[in-house]
N, C-alpha and C. Protein backbone atom coordinates (compact mmCIF):
# COMPACT_ATOMS: atom_id res chain seq x y z
N MET A 1 22.20 -28.08 14.13
CA MET A 1 21.71 -27.38 12.97
C MET A 1 20.40 -26.67 13.33
N ALA A 2 20.29 -25.42 12.99
CA ALA A 2 19.10 -24.62 13.32
C ALA A 2 17.92 -25.07 12.47
N ASP A 3 16.75 -24.91 13.04
CA ASP A 3 15.51 -25.27 12.32
C ASP A 3 15.18 -24.17 11.33
N SER A 4 15.36 -24.45 10.04
CA SER A 4 15.10 -23.43 9.01
C SER A 4 13.62 -23.08 8.92
N GLY A 5 12.74 -23.98 9.34
CA GLY A 5 11.30 -23.69 9.35
C GLY A 5 10.98 -22.55 10.30
N LYS A 6 11.59 -22.59 11.49
CA LYS A 6 11.36 -21.51 12.47
C LYS A 6 11.96 -20.21 11.97
N SER A 7 13.12 -20.29 11.35
CA SER A 7 13.76 -19.11 10.77
C SER A 7 12.87 -18.48 9.72
N LYS A 8 12.33 -19.30 8.84
CA LYS A 8 11.46 -18.81 7.77
C LYS A 8 10.22 -18.17 8.37
N GLN A 9 9.63 -18.79 9.38
CA GLN A 9 8.43 -18.23 10.01
C GLN A 9 8.74 -16.87 10.63
N ALA A 10 9.89 -16.76 11.29
CA ALA A 10 10.27 -15.48 11.91
C ALA A 10 10.47 -14.42 10.82
N GLY A 11 11.11 -14.81 9.71
CA GLY A 11 11.29 -13.88 8.59
C GLY A 11 9.98 -13.48 7.98
N ASP A 12 9.09 -14.43 7.78
CA ASP A 12 7.77 -14.13 7.23
C ASP A 12 7.00 -13.19 8.15
N GLU A 13 7.10 -13.42 9.46
CA GLU A 13 6.39 -12.55 10.41
C GLU A 13 6.96 -11.14 10.38
N ALA A 14 8.28 -11.02 10.27
CA ALA A 14 8.90 -9.70 10.17
C ALA A 14 8.45 -9.00 8.89
N ASP A 15 8.36 -9.77 7.80
CA ASP A 15 7.87 -9.20 6.54
C ASP A 15 6.42 -8.75 6.67
N ARG A 16 5.61 -9.57 7.32
CA ARG A 16 4.19 -9.21 7.53
C ARG A 16 4.08 -7.91 8.31
N GLU A 17 4.87 -7.78 9.36
CA GLU A 17 4.85 -6.56 10.18
C GLU A 17 5.29 -5.35 9.37
N ALA A 18 6.30 -5.52 8.53
CA ALA A 18 6.78 -4.41 7.69
C ALA A 18 5.70 -4.00 6.69
N ILE A 19 4.99 -4.97 6.12
CA ILE A 19 3.92 -4.68 5.17
C ILE A 19 2.78 -3.95 5.87
N LEU A 20 2.41 -4.39 7.06
CA LEU A 20 1.35 -3.71 7.80
C LEU A 20 1.77 -2.29 8.19
N ALA A 21 3.04 -2.08 8.51
CA ALA A 21 3.53 -0.74 8.81
C ALA A 21 3.45 0.15 7.56
N LEU A 22 3.81 -0.41 6.41
CA LEU A 22 3.70 0.31 5.14
C LEU A 22 2.24 0.67 4.85
N PHE A 23 1.35 -0.28 5.06
CA PHE A 23 -0.08 -0.06 4.87
C PHE A 23 -0.56 1.09 5.78
N ASN A 24 -0.08 1.12 7.01
CA ASN A 24 -0.46 2.18 7.94
C ASN A 24 0.09 3.54 7.48
N ARG A 25 1.33 3.55 6.97
CA ARG A 25 1.89 4.79 6.43
C ARG A 25 1.02 5.32 5.29
N TRP A 26 0.55 4.42 4.45
CA TRP A 26 -0.33 4.80 3.33
C TRP A 26 -1.62 5.43 3.87
N ARG A 27 -2.20 4.78 4.86
CA ARG A 27 -3.45 5.27 5.45
C ARG A 27 -3.26 6.65 6.06
N LEU A 28 -2.17 6.85 6.78
CA LEU A 28 -1.90 8.15 7.41
C LEU A 28 -1.60 9.22 6.38
N ALA A 29 -0.85 8.88 5.33
CA ALA A 29 -0.55 9.85 4.27
C ALA A 29 -1.83 10.27 3.55
N THR A 30 -2.71 9.32 3.32
CA THR A 30 -3.98 9.64 2.66
C THR A 30 -4.83 10.55 3.55
N LYS A 31 -4.91 10.20 4.83
CA LYS A 31 -5.69 11.03 5.75
C LYS A 31 -5.14 12.45 5.81
N ALA A 32 -3.81 12.59 5.75
CA ALA A 32 -3.17 13.90 5.81
C ALA A 32 -3.15 14.60 4.45
N LYS A 33 -3.64 13.92 3.41
CA LYS A 33 -3.61 14.44 2.04
C LYS A 33 -2.17 14.79 1.63
N ASP A 34 -1.24 13.94 2.04
CA ASP A 34 0.19 14.16 1.80
C ASP A 34 0.63 13.42 0.53
N ILE A 35 0.51 14.10 -0.58
CA ILE A 35 0.81 13.48 -1.88
C ILE A 35 2.27 13.06 -1.96
N ARG A 36 3.17 13.86 -1.44
CA ARG A 36 4.60 13.50 -1.47
C ARG A 36 4.83 12.17 -0.74
N ALA A 37 4.23 12.00 0.43
CA ALA A 37 4.39 10.75 1.19
C ALA A 37 3.80 9.57 0.43
N ILE A 38 2.67 9.78 -0.23
CA ILE A 38 2.06 8.71 -1.01
C ILE A 38 3.00 8.31 -2.15
N LEU A 39 3.56 9.29 -2.84
CA LEU A 39 4.43 8.99 -3.97
C LEU A 39 5.71 8.27 -3.53
N GLU A 40 6.15 8.51 -2.31
CA GLU A 40 7.32 7.80 -1.78
C GLU A 40 7.02 6.32 -1.54
N LEU A 41 5.76 5.99 -1.43
CA LEU A 41 5.37 4.61 -1.13
C LEU A 41 5.11 3.76 -2.37
N VAL A 42 5.15 4.36 -3.56
CA VAL A 42 4.88 3.60 -4.77
C VAL A 42 6.10 3.58 -5.69
N ALA A 43 6.19 2.54 -6.49
CA ALA A 43 7.28 2.40 -7.46
C ALA A 43 7.03 3.32 -8.65
N ASP A 44 8.08 3.61 -9.39
CA ASP A 44 7.94 4.46 -10.58
C ASP A 44 6.95 3.88 -11.58
N ASP A 45 6.87 2.55 -11.65
CA ASP A 45 5.97 1.90 -12.62
C ASP A 45 4.66 1.44 -11.97
N VAL A 46 4.24 2.13 -10.95
CA VAL A 46 2.99 1.81 -10.25
C VAL A 46 1.81 1.76 -11.22
N VAL A 47 0.88 0.86 -10.94
CA VAL A 47 -0.37 0.80 -11.71
C VAL A 47 -1.51 0.66 -10.70
N PHE A 48 -2.45 1.62 -10.74
CA PHE A 48 -3.68 1.54 -9.96
C PHE A 48 -4.76 1.03 -10.90
N LEU A 49 -5.60 0.14 -10.40
CA LEU A 49 -6.70 -0.39 -11.20
C LEU A 49 -8.03 -0.06 -10.53
N PRO A 50 -8.45 1.20 -10.60
CA PRO A 50 -9.73 1.57 -9.99
C PRO A 50 -10.90 0.97 -10.76
N SER A 51 -11.99 0.74 -10.07
CA SER A 51 -13.13 0.08 -10.71
C SER A 51 -13.88 1.00 -11.68
N ALA A 52 -13.83 2.31 -11.46
CA ALA A 52 -14.64 3.22 -12.28
C ALA A 52 -13.82 4.07 -13.25
N LEU A 53 -12.53 3.83 -13.32
CA LEU A 53 -11.65 4.61 -14.18
C LEU A 53 -10.73 3.68 -14.96
N PRO A 54 -10.14 4.17 -16.03
CA PRO A 54 -9.11 3.37 -16.71
C PRO A 54 -7.89 3.23 -15.79
N PRO A 55 -7.00 2.28 -16.08
CA PRO A 55 -5.80 2.12 -15.26
C PRO A 55 -5.01 3.43 -15.15
N ILE A 56 -4.45 3.65 -13.98
CA ILE A 56 -3.62 4.82 -13.70
C ILE A 56 -2.19 4.30 -13.61
N LYS A 57 -1.34 4.76 -14.53
CA LYS A 57 0.01 4.19 -14.65
C LYS A 57 1.08 5.24 -14.39
N GLY A 58 1.99 4.93 -13.48
CA GLY A 58 3.14 5.79 -13.20
C GLY A 58 2.87 6.84 -12.14
N LYS A 59 3.94 7.29 -11.52
CA LYS A 59 3.83 8.27 -10.43
C LYS A 59 3.19 9.58 -10.88
N ASP A 60 3.49 10.03 -12.11
CA ASP A 60 2.90 11.29 -12.57
C ASP A 60 1.38 11.21 -12.61
N GLU A 61 0.87 10.09 -13.08
CA GLU A 61 -0.59 9.92 -13.14
C GLU A 61 -1.19 9.78 -11.75
N VAL A 62 -0.49 9.10 -10.85
CA VAL A 62 -0.97 8.98 -9.47
C VAL A 62 -1.01 10.37 -8.82
N GLU A 63 0.03 11.16 -9.04
CA GLU A 63 0.04 12.52 -8.50
C GLU A 63 -1.13 13.34 -9.04
N LYS A 64 -1.39 13.26 -10.34
CA LYS A 64 -2.53 13.98 -10.94
C LYS A 64 -3.85 13.54 -10.30
N LEU A 65 -3.98 12.24 -10.09
CA LEU A 65 -5.20 11.70 -9.48
C LEU A 65 -5.44 12.35 -8.11
N TYR A 66 -4.41 12.32 -7.26
CA TYR A 66 -4.58 12.85 -5.91
C TYR A 66 -4.71 14.38 -5.91
N ARG A 67 -4.05 15.07 -6.81
CA ARG A 67 -4.18 16.54 -6.88
C ARG A 67 -5.60 16.93 -7.30
N THR A 68 -6.27 16.07 -8.03
CA THR A 68 -7.66 16.30 -8.40
C THR A 68 -8.61 15.85 -7.29
N PHE A 69 -8.30 14.72 -6.68
CA PHE A 69 -9.18 14.10 -5.69
C PHE A 69 -9.20 14.84 -4.35
N PHE A 70 -8.02 15.10 -3.78
CA PHE A 70 -7.97 15.65 -2.42
C PHE A 70 -8.69 16.98 -2.24
N PRO A 71 -8.57 17.95 -3.15
CA PRO A 71 -9.25 19.23 -2.93
C PRO A 71 -10.78 19.13 -2.87
N GLN A 72 -11.32 18.05 -3.34
CA GLN A 72 -12.78 17.89 -3.34
C GLN A 72 -13.34 17.61 -1.95
N TYR A 73 -12.45 17.26 -1.01
CA TYR A 73 -12.92 16.82 0.31
C TYR A 73 -12.19 17.57 1.42
N ARG A 74 -12.97 17.99 2.40
CA ARG A 74 -12.39 18.68 3.56
C ARG A 74 -11.58 17.71 4.40
N GLU A 75 -12.07 16.48 4.53
CA GLU A 75 -11.42 15.48 5.37
C GLU A 75 -11.50 14.12 4.68
N ILE A 76 -10.45 13.33 4.81
CA ILE A 76 -10.44 11.98 4.24
C ILE A 76 -10.54 10.99 5.40
N GLN A 77 -11.56 10.16 5.38
CA GLN A 77 -11.70 9.08 6.34
C GLN A 77 -11.69 7.78 5.55
N GLN A 78 -10.73 6.94 5.86
CA GLN A 78 -10.55 5.72 5.09
C GLN A 78 -10.62 4.52 6.02
N GLU A 79 -11.48 3.60 5.69
CA GLU A 79 -11.58 2.34 6.41
C GLU A 79 -11.07 1.24 5.50
N ALA A 80 -10.41 0.26 6.06
CA ALA A 80 -9.93 -0.85 5.25
C ALA A 80 -9.95 -2.12 6.09
N VAL A 81 -10.32 -3.19 5.45
CA VAL A 81 -10.28 -4.50 6.07
C VAL A 81 -9.34 -5.36 5.24
N ILE A 82 -8.34 -5.90 5.89
CA ILE A 82 -7.41 -6.79 5.19
C ILE A 82 -7.98 -8.20 5.27
N GLU A 83 -8.28 -8.76 4.13
CA GLU A 83 -8.80 -10.13 4.07
C GLU A 83 -7.67 -11.16 4.11
N GLU A 84 -6.57 -10.83 3.46
CA GLU A 84 -5.48 -11.80 3.37
C GLU A 84 -4.16 -11.08 3.16
N LEU A 85 -3.15 -11.55 3.84
CA LEU A 85 -1.79 -11.07 3.67
C LEU A 85 -0.89 -12.30 3.67
N ARG A 86 -0.21 -12.52 2.56
CA ARG A 86 0.67 -13.67 2.43
C ARG A 86 2.04 -13.23 1.97
N VAL A 87 3.04 -13.86 2.54
CA VAL A 87 4.42 -13.65 2.13
C VAL A 87 4.88 -14.95 1.48
N ALA A 88 5.43 -14.82 0.27
CA ALA A 88 5.90 -15.99 -0.48
C ALA A 88 7.28 -15.67 -1.05
N GLY A 89 8.30 -15.86 -0.24
CA GLY A 89 9.65 -15.55 -0.68
C GLY A 89 9.82 -14.05 -0.87
N ASP A 90 10.20 -13.65 -2.08
CA ASP A 90 10.40 -12.22 -2.38
C ASP A 90 9.10 -11.51 -2.73
N TRP A 91 8.01 -12.21 -2.76
CA TRP A 91 6.71 -11.64 -3.12
C TRP A 91 5.80 -11.60 -1.90
N ALA A 92 4.91 -10.63 -1.90
CA ALA A 92 3.88 -10.58 -0.87
C ALA A 92 2.58 -10.15 -1.53
N PHE A 93 1.47 -10.62 -0.98
CA PHE A 93 0.15 -10.30 -1.52
C PHE A 93 -0.73 -9.86 -0.37
N LEU A 94 -1.42 -8.75 -0.57
CA LEU A 94 -2.36 -8.24 0.40
C LEU A 94 -3.60 -7.82 -0.37
N TRP A 95 -4.76 -8.24 0.12
CA TRP A 95 -5.99 -7.76 -0.49
C TRP A 95 -7.04 -7.61 0.58
N GLY A 96 -8.00 -6.80 0.26
CA GLY A 96 -9.09 -6.54 1.19
C GLY A 96 -10.05 -5.57 0.58
N TYR A 97 -10.77 -4.86 1.43
CA TYR A 97 -11.72 -3.87 0.93
C TYR A 97 -11.77 -2.69 1.86
């Protein structure tokens, strides 16, 4: 009988790698100011919770945000530190700054 613990760990690691790849796609799309690529990475019912604005709900609002934001800057440089990434079954949590 196979060790299900090792199987789960391998699955969790594959999920972690997929999440980090998605995070990198987000970073590259933002740097390229590629709104279409950003919108492909979010669900229809996306909710952004920025600290200085009211919640931004749905792809249409996210698109408006970036169409307003990107033209203000010649270049986007984004740094991020991942503090924690956890996979818990069908859910995953990532946070940082």
